[in-house]
C-alpha atoms as a PDB file:
ATOM      1  CA  UNK A   1      71.429  -4.930  30.097  1.00  0.00           C
ATOM      2  CA  UNK A   2      69.730  -2.145  28.546  1.00  0.00           C
ATOM      3  CA  UNK A   3      67.161  -1.649  31.249  1.00  0.00           C
ATOM      4  CA  UNK A   4      69.999  -1.946  33.795  1.00  0.00           C
ATOM      5  CA  UNK A   5      71.429   1.225  31.910  1.00  0.00           C
ATOM      6  CA  UNK A   6      68.367   3.201  31.883  1.00  0.00           C
ATOM      7  CA  UNK A   7      67.794   2.747  35.387  1.00  0.00           C
ATOM      8  CA  UNK A   8      70.812   5.094  35.949  1.00  0.00           C
ATOM      9  CA  UNK A   9      69.731   7.700  33.311  1.00  0.00           C
ATOM     10  CA  UNK A  10      66.892   9.706  35.084  1.00  0.00           C
ATOM     11  CA  UNK A  11      67.031  13.506  34.174  1.00  0.00           C
ATOM     12  CA  UNK A  12      68.470  14.439  37.457  1.00  0.00           C
ATOM     13  CA  UNK A  13      71.760  12.469  36.493  1.00  0.00           C
ATOM     14  CA  UNK A  14      71.499  13.836  32.948  1.00  0.00           C
ATOM     15  CA  UNK A  15      71.452  17.186  33.877  1.00  0.00           C
ATOM     16  CA  UNK A  16      74.862  17.106  35.524  1.00  0.00           C
ATOM     17  CA  UNK A  17      76.325  14.937  32.662  1.00  0.00           C
ATOM     18  CA  UNK A  18      75.427  17.131  29.832  1.00  0.00           C
ATOM     19  CA  UNK A  19      77.560  20.013  31.431  1.00  0.00           C
ATOM     20  CA  UNK A  20      80.584  18.164  31.189  1.00  0.00           C
ATOM     21  CA  UNK A  21      80.923  15.430  33.797  1.00  0.00           C
ATOM     22  CA  UNK A  22      82.155  11.786  33.574  1.00  0.00           C
ATOM     23  CA  UNK A  23      80.318   9.475  36.199  1.00  0.00           C
ATOM     24  CA  UNK A  24      81.609   6.081  37.138  1.00  0.00           C
ATOM     25  CA  UNK A  25      79.235   3.709  38.621  1.00  0.00           C
ATOM     26  CA  UNK A  26      79.943   0.532  40.638  1.00  0.00           C
ATOM     27  CA  UNK A  27      77.536  -2.496  40.816  1.00  0.00           C
ATOM     28  CA  UNK A  28      74.842  -0.886  42.994  1.00  0.00           C
ATOM     29  CA  UNK A  29      72.025  -3.381  43.272  1.00  0.00           C
ATOM     30  CA  UNK A  30      70.702  -7.001  43.063  1.00  0.00           C
ATOM     31  CA  UNK A  31      69.301  -6.237  39.751  1.00  0.00           C
ATOM     32  CA  UNK A  32      73.029  -5.553  38.058  1.00  0.00           C
ATOM     33  CA  UNK A  33      74.163  -8.943  40.168  1.00  0.00           C
ATOM     34  CA  UNK A  34      74.607 -10.699  37.003  1.00  0.00           C
ATOM     35  CA  UNK A  35      77.723  -8.412  36.362  1.00  0.00           C
ATOM     36  CA  UNK A  36      79.333  -9.755  39.341  1.00  0.00           C
ATOM     37  CA  UNK A  37      80.650 -12.923  37.642  1.00  0.00           C
ATOM     38  CA  UNK A  38      82.846 -10.510  35.617  1.00  0.00           C
ATOM     39  CA  UNK A  39      83.933  -8.605  38.703  1.00  0.00           C
ATOM     40  CA  UNK A  40      87.323 -10.189  39.090  1.00  0.00           C
ATOM     41  CA  UNK A  41      88.350  -8.946  35.552  1.00  0.00           C
ATOM     42  CA  UNK A  42      86.748  -5.528  35.924  1.00  0.00           C
ATOM     43  CA  UNK A  43      88.479  -2.320  36.954  1.00  0.00           C
ATOM     44  CA  UNK A  44      87.690  -1.288  40.436  1.00  0.00           C
ATOM     45  CA  UNK A  45      87.394   1.707  42.755  1.00  0.00           C
ATOM     46  CA  UNK A  46      90.188   1.495  45.512  1.00  0.00           C
ATOM     47  CA  UNK A  47      90.821  -2.104  44.512  1.00  0.00           C
ATOM     48  CA  UNK A  48      87.727  -3.456  46.079  1.00  0.00           C
ATOM     49  CA  UNK A  49      84.378  -2.194  44.224  1.00  0.00           C
ATOM     50  CA  UNK A  50      84.060  -3.434  40.507  1.00  0.00           C
ATOM     51  CA  UNK A  51      83.123  -0.589  37.900  1.00  0.00           C
ATOM     52  CA  UNK A  52      80.108  -1.614  36.292  1.00  0.00           C
ATOM     53  CA  UNK A  53      79.538   1.169  33.928  1.00  0.00           C
ATOM     54  CA  UNK A  54      81.118   4.650  32.960  1.00  0.00           C
ATOM     55  CA  UNK A  55      78.829   7.300  31.620  1.00  0.00           C
ATOM     56  CA  UNK A  56      80.515  10.397  29.962  1.00  0.00           C
ATOM     57  CA  UNK A  57      79.612  13.654  28.435  1.00  0.00           C
ATOM     58  CA  UNK A  58      81.047  13.858  24.968  1.00  0.00           C
ATOM     59  CA  UNK A  59      81.984  17.777  24.122  1.00  0.00           C
ATOM     60  CA  UNK A  60      84.712  19.216  26.395  1.00  0.00           C
ATOM     61  CA  UNK A  61      85.192  15.513  27.842  1.00  0.00           C
ATOM     62  CA  UNK A  62      85.971  13.089  24.969  1.00  0.00           C
ATOM     63  CA  UNK A  63      86.010  15.628  22.329  1.00  0.00           C
ATOM     64  CA  UNK A  64      87.665  18.846  22.317  1.00  0.00           C
ATOM     65  CA  UNK A  65      87.825  21.990  20.128  1.00  0.00           C
ATOM     66  CA  UNK A  66      90.423  24.063  18.607  1.00  0.00           C
ATOM     67  CA  UNK A  67      88.919  27.391  19.621  1.00  0.00           C
ATOM     68  CA  UNK A  68      89.405  26.166  23.312  1.00  0.00           C
ATOM     69  CA  UNK A  69      92.670  24.278  22.982  1.00  0.00           C
ATOM     70  CA  UNK A  70      94.758  26.625  21.281  1.00  0.00           C
ATOM     71  CA  UNK A  71      94.282  29.014  24.410  1.00  0.00           C
ATOM     72  CA  UNK A  72      96.739  26.612  25.943  1.00  0.00           C
ATOM     73  CA  UNK A  73      99.220  26.535  23.159  1.00  0.00           C
ATOM     74  CA  UNK A  74      97.658  23.438  21.171  1.00  0.00           C
ATOM     75  CA  UNK A  75      97.607  23.295  17.538  1.00  0.00           C
ATOM     76  CA  UNK A  76      95.260  21.291  15.416  1.00  0.00           C
ATOM     77  CA  UNK A  77      96.080  19.969  11.863  1.00  0.00           C
ATOM     78  CA  UNK A  78      92.861  18.629  10.287  1.00  0.00           C
ATOM     79  CA  UNK A  79      92.420  16.736   7.236  1.00  0.00           C
ATOM     80  CA  UNK A  80      88.431  17.190   6.668  1.00  0.00           C
ATOM     81  CA  UNK A  81      88.456  14.583   3.762  1.00  0.00           C
ATOM     82  CA  UNK A  82      89.786  11.684   5.806  1.00  0.00           C
ATOM     83  CA  UNK A  83      87.998  12.824   9.027  1.00  0.00           C
ATOM     84  CA  UNK A  84      91.281  12.884  10.814  1.00  0.00           C
ATOM     85  CA  UNK A  85      93.526  15.395  12.579  1.00  0.00           C
ATOM     86  CA  UNK A  86      96.740  15.899  14.411  1.00  0.00           C
ATOM     87  CA  UNK A  87      96.699  17.606  17.464  1.00  0.00           C
ATOM     88  CA  UNK A  88     100.172  19.005  18.912  1.00  0.00           C
ATOM     89  CA  UNK A  89     100.908  20.630  22.253  1.00  0.00           C
ATOM     90  CA  UNK A  90     103.190  23.459  23.001  1.00  0.00           C
ATOM     91  CA  UNK A  91     105.902  20.912  23.911  1.00  0.00           C
ATOM     92  CA  UNK A  92     105.746  19.045  20.532  1.00  0.00           C
ATOM     93  CA  UNK A  93     103.666  15.987  21.683  1.00  0.00           C
ATOM     94  CA  UNK A  94     101.177  14.829  19.249  1.00  0.00           C
ATOM     95  CA  UNK A  95      98.193  12.881  18.998  1.00  0.00           C
ATOM     96  CA  UNK A  96      96.440  11.320  15.919  1.00  0.00           C
ATOM     97  CA  UNK A  97      92.644  11.879  16.134  1.00  0.00           C
ATOM     98  CA  UNK A  98      89.398  11.390  14.662  1.00  0.00           C
ATOM     99  CA  UNK A  99      87.633  14.361  13.377  1.00  0.00           C
ATOM    100  CA  UNK A 100      83.976  14.866  14.456  1.00  0.00           C
ATOM    101  CA  UNK A 101      81.364  17.574  12.997  1.00  0.00           C
ATOM    102  CA  UNK A 102      79.434  19.840  15.009  1.00  0.00           C
ATOM    103  CA  UNK A 103      76.535  22.314  14.119  1.00  0.00           C
ATOM    104  CA  UNK A 104      77.908  25.174  16.332  1.00  0.00           C
ATOM    105  CA  UNK A 105      81.614  24.590  17.472  1.00  0.00           C
ATOM    106  CA  UNK A 106      83.350  23.664  14.248  1.00  0.00           C
ATOM    107  CA  UNK A 107      85.154  20.203  14.247  1.00  0.00           C
ATOM    108  CA  UNK A 108      85.989  18.465  17.498  1.00  0.00           C
ATOM    109  CA  UNK A 109      88.967  15.852  18.009  1.00  0.00           C
ATOM    110  CA  UNK A 110      88.687  12.724  19.814  1.00  0.00           C
ATOM    111  CA  UNK A 111      92.151  11.146  20.039  1.00  0.00           C
ATOM    112  CA  UNK A 112      92.711   7.744  19.067  1.00  0.00           C
ATOM    113  CA  UNK A 113      94.297   6.959  22.556  1.00  0.00           C
ATOM    114  CA  UNK A 114      90.733   7.835  23.958  1.00  0.00           C
ATOM    115  CA  UNK A 115      89.357   5.381  21.765  1.00  0.00           C
ATOM    116  CA  UNK A 116      92.012   2.701  22.758  1.00  0.00           C
ATOM    117  CA  UNK A 117      91.237   3.278  26.371  1.00  0.00           C
ATOM    118  CA  UNK A 118      87.482   2.898  26.089  1.00  0.00           C
ATOM    119  CA  UNK A 119      88.025  -0.333  24.058  1.00  0.00           C
ATOM    120  CA  UNK A 120      90.031  -1.555  27.006  1.00  0.00           C
ATOM    121  CA  UNK A 121      87.524  -0.808  29.660  1.00  0.00           C
ATOM    122  CA  UNK A 122      84.785  -2.535  27.366  1.00  0.00           C
ATOM    123  CA  UNK A 123      87.256  -5.616  27.128  1.00  0.00           C
ATOM    124  CA  UNK A 124      86.881  -5.971  30.741  1.00  0.00           C
ATOM    125  CA  UNK A 125      83.394  -5.981  30.953  1.00  0.00           C
ATOM    126  CA  UNK A 126      82.799  -2.358  31.675  1.00  0.00           C
ATOM    127  CA  UNK A 127      79.912  -0.600  29.934  1.00  0.00           C
ATOM    128  CA  UNK A 128      80.966   2.569  28.346  1.00  0.00           C
ATOM    129  CA  UNK A 129      77.732   5.227  27.720  1.00  0.00           C
ATOM    130  CA  UNK A 130      77.885   8.665  25.947  1.00  0.00           C
ATOM    131  CA  UNK A 131      75.298  11.207  27.004  1.00  0.00           C
ATOM    132  CA  UNK A 132      75.229  14.583  25.334  1.00  0.00           C
ATOM    133  CA  UNK A 133      73.190  17.437  24.970  1.00  0.00           C
ATOM    134  CA  UNK A 134      73.863  17.617  21.400  1.00  0.00           C
ATOM    135  CA  UNK A 135      71.140  17.770  18.854  1.00  0.00           C
ATOM    136  CA  UNK A 136      69.964  14.503  17.183  1.00  0.00           C
ATOM    137  CA  UNK A 137      71.331  15.705  13.792  1.00  0.00           C
ATOM    138  CA  UNK A 138      74.746  16.255  15.034  1.00  0.00           C
ATOM    139  CA  UNK A 139      74.997  12.985  16.862  1.00  0.00           C
ATOM    140  CA  UNK A 140      73.745  11.012  13.907  1.00  0.00           C
ATOM    141  CA  UNK A 141      76.086  12.614  11.717  1.00  0.00           C
ATOM    142  CA  UNK A 142      79.142  11.795  14.187  1.00  0.00           C
ATOM    143  CA  UNK A 143      78.094   7.980  14.811  1.00  0.00           C
ATOM    144  CA  UNK A 144      80.413   6.466  12.610  1.00  0.00           C
ATOM    145  CA  UNK A 145      83.487   8.437  13.925  1.00  0.00           C
ATOM    146  CA  UNK A 146      82.658   7.889  17.561  1.00  0.00           C
ATOM    147  CA  UNK A 147      84.571   5.282  19.805  1.00  0.00           C
ATOM    148  CA  UNK A 148      82.872   2.000  20.061  1.00  0.00           C
ATOM    149  CA  UNK A 149      80.321   2.196  22.887  1.00  0.00           C
ATOM    150  CA  UNK A 150      77.369   0.370  24.507  1.00  0.00           C
ATOM    151  CA  UNK A 151      74.847   3.387  23.858  1.00  0.00           C
ATOM    152  CA  UNK A 152      74.655   6.771  23.066  1.00  0.00           C
ATOM    153  CA  UNK A 153      72.140   9.335  24.736  1.00  0.00           C
ATOM    154  CA  UNK A 154      71.464  12.866  23.314  1.00  0.00           C
ATOM    155  CA  UNK A 155      68.919  15.750  23.784  1.00  0.00           C
ATOM    156  CA  UNK A 156      69.237  15.740  27.612  1.00  0.00           C
ATOM    157  CA  UNK A 157      68.445  11.760  27.612  1.00  0.00           C
ATOM    158  CA  UNK A 158      65.077  11.935  25.783  1.00  0.00           C
ATOM    159  CA  UNK A 159      66.671   9.733  23.062  1.00  0.00           C
ATOM    160  CA  UNK A 160      68.963   6.697  23.598  1.00  0.00           C
ATOM    161  CA  UNK A 161      70.695   4.710  20.786  1.00  0.00           C
ATOM    162  CA  UNK A 162      72.144   1.025  20.851  1.00  0.00           C
ATOM    163  CA  UNK A 163      74.695  -0.303  18.266  1.00  0.00           C
ATOM    164  CA  UNK A 164      73.876  -3.702  16.744  1.00  0.00           C
ATOM    165  CA  UNK A 165      74.867  -6.339  19.370  1.00  0.00           C
ATOM    166  CA  UNK A 166      77.737  -7.892  16.986  1.00  0.00           C
ATOM    167  CA  UNK A 167      79.335  -4.624  15.985  1.00  0.00           C
ATOM    168  CA  UNK A 168      82.957  -4.356  16.710  1.00  0.00           C
ATOM    169  CA  UNK A 169      83.658  -1.013  15.039  1.00  0.00           C
ATOM    170  CA  UNK A 170      81.350   2.138  15.128  1.00  0.00           C
ATOM    171  CA  UNK A 171      78.385   1.477  12.773  1.00  0.00           C
ATOM    172  CA  UNK A 172      76.846   3.945  10.510  1.00  0.00           C
ATOM    173  CA  UNK A 173      73.940   5.997  11.830  1.00  0.00           C
ATOM    174  CA  UNK A 174      71.269   3.734  10.041  1.00  0.00           C
ATOM    175  CA  UNK A 175      72.424   0.709  11.950  1.00  0.00           C
ATOM    176  CA  UNK A 176      71.987   2.356  15.462  1.00  0.00           C
ATOM    177  CA  UNK A 177      68.829   1.377  17.014  1.00  0.00           C
ATOM    178  CA  UNK A 178      66.775   4.092  18.724  1.00  0.00           C
ATOM    179  CA  UNK A 179      65.040   2.909  21.938  1.00  0.00           C
ATOM    180  CA  UNK A 180      61.400   3.735  21.366  1.00  0.00           C
ATOM    181  CA  UNK A 181      60.130   2.253  24.631  1.00  0.00           C
ATOM    182  CA  UNK A 182      62.339   4.689  26.375  1.00  0.00           C
ATOM    183  CA  UNK A 183      61.351   7.794  24.065  1.00  0.00           C
ATOM    184  CA  UNK A 184      57.747   7.112  24.914  1.00  0.00           C
ATOM    185  CA  UNK A 185      58.173   7.913  28.541  1.00  0.00           C
ATOM    186  CA  UNK A 186      58.617  11.470  27.384  1.00  0.00           C
ATOM    187  CA  UNK A 187      55.820  11.796  24.518  1.00  0.00           C
ATOM    188  CA  UNK A 188      53.496  13.793  26.790  1.00  0.00           C
ATOM    189  CA  UNK A 189      56.293  16.312  27.201  1.00  0.00           C
ATOM    190  CA  UNK A 190      57.872  16.192  23.879  1.00  0.00           C
ATOM    191  CA  UNK A 191      55.283  14.726  21.368  1.00  0.00           C
ATOM    192  CA  UNK A 192      56.727  12.273  18.689  1.00  0.00           C
ATOM    193  CA  UNK A 193      60.348  12.350  18.848  1.00  0.00           C
ATOM    194  CA  UNK A 194      60.664  11.041  15.369  1.00  0.00           C
ATOM    195  CA  UNK A 195      58.871  13.825  13.517  1.00  0.00           C
ATOM    196  CA  UNK A 196      59.631  16.678  10.693  1.00  0.00           C
ATOM    197  CA  UNK A 197      56.842  18.996  12.071  1.00  0.00           C
ATOM    198  CA  UNK A 198      58.203  22.702  12.805  1.00  0.00           C
ATOM    199  CA  UNK A 199      58.605  23.153  16.425  1.00  0.00           C
ATOM    200  CA  UNK A 200      56.104  26.018  16.664  1.00  0.00           C
ATOM    201  CA  UNK A 201      53.289  23.389  15.535  1.00  0.00           C
ATOM    202  CA  UNK A 202      54.487  20.687  17.850  1.00  0.00           C
ATOM    203  CA  UNK A 203      52.295  19.074  20.541  1.00  0.00           C
ATOM    204  CA  UNK A 204      53.546  18.506  24.117  1.00  0.00           C
ATOM    205  CA  UNK A 205      54.371  21.015  27.023  1.00  0.00           C
ATOM    206  CA  UNK A 206      57.947  21.365  25.785  1.00  0.00           C
ATOM    207  CA  UNK A 207      56.671  23.007  22.781  1.00  0.00           C
ATOM    208  CA  UNK A 208      54.163  25.192  24.538  1.00  0.00           C
ATOM    209  CA  UNK A 209      57.171  26.569  26.458  1.00  0.00           C
ATOM    210  CA  UNK A 210      58.947  26.907  23.277  1.00  0.00           C
ATOM    211  CA  UNK A 211      56.249  29.179  21.729  1.00  0.00           C
ATOM    212  CA  UNK A 212      55.969  31.072  24.912  1.00  0.00           C
ATOM    213  CA  UNK A 213      59.794  31.890  24.842  1.00  0.00           C
ATOM    214  CA  UNK A 214      59.610  32.772  21.137  1.00  0.00           C
ATOM    215  CA  UNK A 215      56.750  35.174  21.731  1.00  0.00           C
ATOM    216  CA  UNK A 216      58.994  36.646  24.616  1.00  0.00           C
ATOM    217  CA  UNK A 217      61.605  36.927  21.654  1.00  0.00           C
ATOM    218  CA  UNK A 218      64.223  34.669  23.233  1.00  0.00           C
ATOM    219  CA  UNK A 219      64.797  32.978  19.949  1.00  0.00           C
ATOM    220  CA  UNK A 220      64.637  29.476  21.060  1.00  0.00           C
ATOM    221  CA  UNK A 221      66.954  27.151  18.646  1.00  0.00           C
ATOM    222  CA  UNK A 222      65.021  23.871  17.668  1.00  0.00           C
ATOM    223  CA  UNK A 223      67.136  23.130  14.783  1.00  0.00           C
ATOM    224  CA  UNK A 224      67.931  19.363  14.708  1.00  0.00           C
ATOM    225  CA  UNK A 225      66.053  18.971  18.248  1.00  0.00           C
ATOM    226  CA  UNK A 226      62.746  17.098  18.928  1.00  0.00           C
ATOM    227  CA  UNK A 227      63.325  16.296  22.646  1.00  0.00           C
ATOM    228  CA  UNK A 228      64.491  19.618  23.726  1.00  0.00           C
ATOM    229  CA  UNK A 229      65.539  22.917  22.493  1.00  0.00           C
ATOM    230  CA  UNK A 230      68.524  25.534  23.412  1.00  0.00           C
ATOM    231  CA  UNK A 231      68.084  29.094  24.510  1.00  0.00           C
ATOM    232  CA  UNK A 232      70.773  31.395  24.276  1.00  0.00           C
ATOM    233  CA  UNK A 233      70.400  34.140  26.889  1.00  0.00           C
END
């Protein structure tokens, strides 16, 4: 099943996903035919094609931020100690939420209703994968608060984590398994993905570009990244 998921996760797809889209994939090939036995209980597109997997961005799709939502009259009452929040729209409707930390945008909120709906999809045999451009350090910090999903990919898809097979609730970060076989596909570009070496000293064409951009005074951001970096222009 992991190999089937990864067949869809090429960089062309991920380029679109990290900018806020949510893609739904039906059963597409013979390699995924094992899932057909579950098709009658699966949700479908147009009542005919069973949905095999949902790939979703995180920030701005499942997770929302007060500095954006307040523009629409939404208020957020956060309890940082409990990692929870109540979000209220301008009509007074409320949603209870989980509070997710970030490095750059402040805490984000994922509603309990969103968590519930993802759970219902998975109960029907639909795989749910989160794909985000967020840095590894942020994703690792968020892992215990994420909805229960089948995989999490970050840093433009260079890293993919899986929860323990028996997990029913989001496990702690140290329980997620990094797919090292998948990561090895990019090592000639990124160098080792599990490294503490400063970005300016790393090997790989990615970090050659990093040094070139740094020399041009672009001030690229490598904090918490080992499979990509961010540039603010």
